[in-house]
Amino acid sequence: MPKKILIVEDDEKLVNNLAEKLRAEGYGVTIALDGEVGWEKIRSDKPDLVVLDIMLKRLDGLSLCRMIRGETSMMHIPIVMLTARGNEVDKIIGLESGADDYITKPFSLGEFLARVRALLRRPAGPIAAHQNEMVSNDLRLNMTGRRVFQQKNDADEEIKLSNKEFDLLAELMRNKNVVLSRDLILTKVWGYDYFVDKRTVDVHIRWLREKIEEDPSQPRRIVTVRGVGYRFEG
């Protein structure tokens, strides 16, 4: 089955050009010209990737991105944001809303396709399991079920993670007490290191800390190694 891509963009000329190019590459493409229709299509079609403009009618792209990330059944869907805005603040806001990649208009169709291919290059596990479970102190990560549990009051409490948060935690736990650079994390977890902004690693680390650290402002499990990357200490 071809990968399904949804384009949510109100510029009809651009959206038709992108759709034509993607279909020529063998992808199945659907289109939404405003945010509310986009949300309906995401919920009904469950696409493999969403191309999302920030400036949309009825429901803006940032809000739509947060809605996707807030739904357990859809939070794993890769999102590419398109926007005419190119300053650093807008990029950070886009990434913190949950986007996997960010392309500033105007862009070449070649660059666009390369980024789409990179995001869809998800083998049956960029972090293929070498063992069924990993345990570190009160954390237990089940690779087969892709579930994480934390022991509290003599009982296991499940921690809900997105696909990327799970992959990131697994990679960190697998390399306990080893410093991993942002570049290496991108390669191991995202499967590529060229097209994605390195700050997306920092964003996902922050989200992960909020879920597994007792005090996310003073992390003890995932430690920042200034100028290098991160180290998991358990």
Protein backbone atom coordinates (compact mmCIF):
# COMPACT_ATOMS: atom_id res chain seq x y z
CA MET A 1 0.00 0.00 0.00
CA PRO A 2 1.34 3.48 -0.87
CA LYS A 3 2.04 5.83 2.00
CA LYS A 4 -0.81 8.28 2.59
CA ILE A 5 0.02 11.99 2.79
CA LEU A 6 -2.39 14.75 3.76
CA ILE A 7 -1.61 18.32 2.66
CA VAL A 8 -3.36 21.04 4.66
CA GLU A 9 -2.69 24.27 2.74
CA ASP A 10 -4.95 27.11 1.55
CA ASP A 11 -2.81 28.14 -1.43
CA GLU A 12 -4.50 26.08 -4.16
CA LYS A 13 -1.73 26.52 -6.71
CA LEU A 14 0.94 25.35 -4.24
CA VAL A 15 -1.12 22.48 -2.89
CA ASN A 16 -1.88 21.19 -6.40
CA ASN A 17 1.81 21.36 -7.36
CA LEU A 18 2.84 19.46 -4.22
CA ALA A 19 0.09 16.88 -4.67
CA GLU A 20 1.03 16.29 -8.33
CA LYS A 21 4.69 15.82 -7.42
CA LEU A 22 3.93 13.45 -4.53
CA ARG A 23 1.53 11.36 -6.63
CA ALA A 24 4.19 11.07 -9.32
CA GLU A 25 6.43 9.58 -6.61
CA GLY A 26 3.80 6.95 -5.83
CA TYR A 27 2.25 8.44 -2.67
CA GLY A 28 -1.47 8.57 -2.02
CA VAL A 29 -2.39 12.23 -1.49
CA THR A 30 -5.43 13.97 -0.05
CA ILE A 31 -5.93 17.72 0.31
CA ALA A 32 -7.60 20.06 2.80
CA LEU A 33 -7.84 23.79 2.15
CA ASP A 34 -8.50 24.83 5.75
CA GLY A 35 -7.64 23.64 9.25
CA GLU A 36 -11.04 22.29 10.27
CA VAL A 37 -11.37 20.14 7.16
CA GLY A 38 -7.77 19.05 7.74
CA TRP A 39 -8.63 17.90 11.27
CA GLU A 40 -11.61 15.91 9.99
CA LYS A 41 -9.44 14.20 7.35
CA ILE A 42 -6.68 13.40 9.82
CA ARG A 43 -9.17 11.75 12.18
CA SER A 44 -10.89 9.76 9.42
CA ASP A 45 -7.94 8.87 7.14
CA LYS A 46 -5.06 8.46 9.66
CA PRO A 47 -2.42 9.55 7.11
CA ASP A 48 1.22 8.43 7.32
CA LEU A 49 2.41 12.05 7.12
CA VAL A 50 0.83 15.52 7.33
CA VAL A 51 2.11 18.56 5.43
CA LEU A 52 0.74 21.51 7.35
CA ASP A 53 0.75 25.24 6.62
CA ILE A 54 0.82 27.53 9.68
CA MET A 55 -1.46 30.25 8.30
CA LEU A 56 -4.80 28.52 7.68
CA LYS A 57 -8.43 29.54 7.64
CA ARG A 58 -10.77 28.55 10.51
CA LEU A 59 -8.09 26.63 12.44
CA ASP A 60 -4.43 27.63 12.30
CA GLY A 61 -1.63 25.15 11.72
CA LEU A 62 -0.02 25.47 15.15
CA SER A 63 -3.30 24.66 16.89
CA LEU A 64 -3.93 21.76 14.53
CA CYS A 65 -0.42 20.44 15.18
CA ARG A 66 -1.02 20.51 18.95
CA MET A 67 -4.35 18.73 18.49
CA ILE A 68 -2.66 15.92 16.55
CA ARG A 69 0.02 15.56 19.22
CA GLY A 70 -2.65 15.49 21.91
CA GLU A 71 -4.38 12.40 20.50
CA THR A 72 -2.82 9.07 21.47
CA SER A 73 -3.90 7.40 18.23
CA MET A 74 -2.35 10.14 16.07
CA MET A 75 0.59 11.54 18.04
CA HIS A 76 3.04 9.34 16.08
CA ILE A 77 2.15 10.90 12.68
CA PRO A 78 5.11 12.89 11.25
CA ILE A 79 4.31 16.56 10.57
CA VAL A 80 6.08 18.89 8.14
CA MET A 81 5.23 22.55 8.66
CA LEU A 82 5.16 24.96 5.72
CA THR A 83 5.28 28.69 6.32
CA ALA A 84 6.34 31.98 4.81
CA ARG A 85 7.74 32.92 8.20
CA GLY A 86 11.44 32.32 8.54
CA ASN A 87 12.62 33.81 11.80
CA GLU A 88 14.03 31.78 14.67
CA VAL A 89 11.11 32.37 17.05
CA ASP A 90 8.59 30.97 14.57
CA LYS A 91 10.74 27.90 13.97
CA ILE A 92 11.00 27.21 17.68
CA ILE A 93 7.24 27.67 18.16
CA GLY A 94 6.59 25.26 15.29
CA LEU A 95 8.91 22.62 16.72
CA GLU A 96 7.56 23.04 20.23
CA SER A 97 4.03 22.57 18.87
CA GLY A 98 5.12 19.11 17.81
CA ALA A 99 6.29 19.48 14.20
CA ASP A 100 8.99 17.07 13.06
CA ASP A 101 10.33 19.39 10.36
CA TYR A 102 9.90 22.98 9.20
CA ILE A 103 10.21 24.33 5.64
CA THR A 104 10.19 28.04 4.87
CA LYS A 105 8.59 29.23 1.63
CA PRO A 106 9.73 29.51 -1.08
CA PHE A 107 11.35 26.08 -1.31
CA SER A 108 12.33 23.73 -4.12
CA LEU A 109 10.24 20.66 -4.85
CA GLY A 110 13.42 18.60 -4.66
CA GLU A 111 14.08 19.74 -1.09
CA PHE A 112 10.44 19.14 -0.16
CA LEU A 113 10.48 15.57 -1.50
CA ALA A 114 13.77 14.81 0.24
CA ARG A 115 12.33 15.87 3.57
CA VAL A 116 9.14 13.87 3.02
CA ARG A 117 11.16 10.76 2.16
CA ALA A 118 13.33 11.24 5.24
CA LEU A 119 10.33 11.50 7.56
CA LEU A 120 8.68 8.45 6.01
CA ARG A 121 11.89 6.40 6.23
CA ARG A 122 10.73 4.56 9.33
CA PRO A 123 11.93 0.98 9.32
CA ALA A 124 10.27 -1.46 11.65
CA GLY A 125 12.32 0.17 14.24
CA PRO A 126 15.16 2.63 14.03
CA ILE A 127 15.83 1.21 17.48
CA ALA A 128 15.22 -2.48 16.81
CA ALA A 129 14.94 -4.35 20.08
CA HIS A 130 17.86 -6.50 21.16
CA GLN A 131 15.92 -7.49 24.25
CA ASN A 132 12.30 -7.44 25.23
CA GLU A 133 12.65 -5.21 28.28
CA MET A 134 15.02 -2.64 29.70
CA VAL A 135 14.91 -1.69 33.36
CA SER A 136 16.55 1.22 35.14
CA ASN A 137 15.69 1.81 38.79
CA ASP A 138 11.90 2.28 38.86
CA LEU A 139 11.52 2.56 35.07
CA ARG A 140 10.63 -0.46 32.94
CA LEU A 141 10.51 -0.21 29.16
CA ASN A 142 8.81 -3.00 27.20
CA MET A 143 10.13 -3.08 23.64
CA THR A 144 7.57 -5.51 22.19
CA GLY A 145 4.54 -3.64 23.48
CA ARG A 146 6.26 -0.23 23.21
CA ARG A 147 5.07 0.63 26.71
CA VAL A 148 6.81 2.31 29.64
CA PHE A 149 6.03 1.73 33.30
CA GLN A 150 7.18 3.44 36.47
CA GLN A 151 6.89 1.79 39.85
CA LYS A 152 4.93 3.87 42.31
CA ASN A 153 3.60 2.67 45.66
CA ASP A 154 4.51 -0.95 44.87
CA ALA A 155 2.55 -0.88 41.61
CA ASP A 156 3.47 -0.27 37.96
CA GLU A 157 1.98 2.92 36.55
CA GLU A 158 2.06 3.29 32.77
CA ILE A 159 3.60 6.45 31.29
CA LYS A 160 2.03 7.47 27.98
CA LEU A 161 4.69 8.38 25.42
CA SER A 162 4.52 9.31 21.75
CA ASN A 163 6.41 7.08 19.31
CA LYS A 164 9.36 9.43 19.14
CA GLU A 165 9.47 9.90 22.92
CA PHE A 166 9.52 6.11 23.30
CA ASP A 167 12.30 5.72 20.71
CA LEU A 168 14.31 8.48 22.36
CA LEU A 169 13.98 6.97 25.84
CA ALA A 170 14.92 3.52 24.53
CA GLU A 171 18.06 4.88 22.87
CA LEU A 172 19.06 6.75 26.03
CA MET A 173 18.45 3.72 28.26
CA ARG A 174 20.33 1.44 25.89
CA ASN A 175 23.33 3.76 26.25
CA LYS A 176 23.08 4.40 29.99
CA ASN A 177 25.87 6.63 31.34
CA VAL A 178 27.10 7.35 27.80
CA VAL A 179 26.97 10.90 26.43
CA LEU A 180 25.00 11.03 23.17
CA SER A 181 25.38 14.06 20.93
CA ARG A 182 22.37 15.68 19.28
CA ASP A 183 23.68 14.56 15.88
CA LEU A 184 23.93 10.95 17.02
CA ILE A 185 20.45 11.07 18.58
CA LEU A 186 19.00 12.41 15.32
CA THR A 187 20.66 9.61 13.38
CA LYS A 188 19.67 6.83 15.79
CA VAL A 189 16.14 7.96 16.66
CA TRP A 190 14.96 9.92 13.62
CA GLY A 191 16.99 7.84 11.16
CA TYR A 192 18.66 10.83 9.50
CA ASP A 193 20.57 13.90 10.57
CA TYR A 194 20.46 16.41 7.72
CA PHE A 195 16.97 17.80 7.34
CA VAL A 196 15.70 18.05 10.89
CA ASP A 197 16.59 21.00 13.10
CA LYS A 198 18.72 19.79 16.01
CA ARG A 199 16.50 21.73 18.38
CA THR A 200 13.80 19.11 17.88
CA VAL A 201 15.99 16.84 20.04
CA ASP A 202 15.94 19.42 22.83
CA VAL A 203 12.16 19.76 22.53
CA HIS A 204 11.62 15.99 22.79
CA ILE A 205 14.06 15.74 25.70
CA ARG A 206 12.04 18.41 27.53
CA TRP A 207 8.77 16.57 26.88
CA LEU A 208 10.34 13.31 28.09
CA ARG A 209 11.65 14.93 31.25
CA GLU A 210 8.19 16.26 32.03
CA LYS A 211 6.92 12.67 32.03
CA ILE A 212 9.69 10.72 33.78
CA GLU A 213 11.55 13.20 35.99
CA GLU A 214 10.43 13.90 39.54
CA ASP A 215 11.45 17.54 39.02
CA PRO A 216 11.83 18.34 35.28
CA SER A 217 13.54 21.67 36.12
CA GLN A 218 16.31 19.73 37.89
CA PRO A 219 16.57 16.49 35.91
CA ARG A 220 18.42 13.56 37.43
CA ARG A 221 17.63 10.86 34.89
CA ILE A 222 18.40 12.69 31.63
CA VAL A 223 21.33 15.01 32.24
CA THR A 224 22.45 17.77 29.86
CA VAL A 225 26.14 17.68 28.97
CA ARG A 226 26.75 21.28 27.95
CA GLY A 227 28.01 21.73 24.41
CA VAL A 228 27.69 18.02 23.62
CA GLY A 229 24.30 16.41 24.22
CA TYR A 230 22.61 14.23 26.83
CA ARG A 231 23.39 11.35 29.17
CA PHE A 232 20.89 8.94 30.75
CA GLU A 233 21.78 8.18 34.36
CA GLY A 234 18.72 6.17 35.29
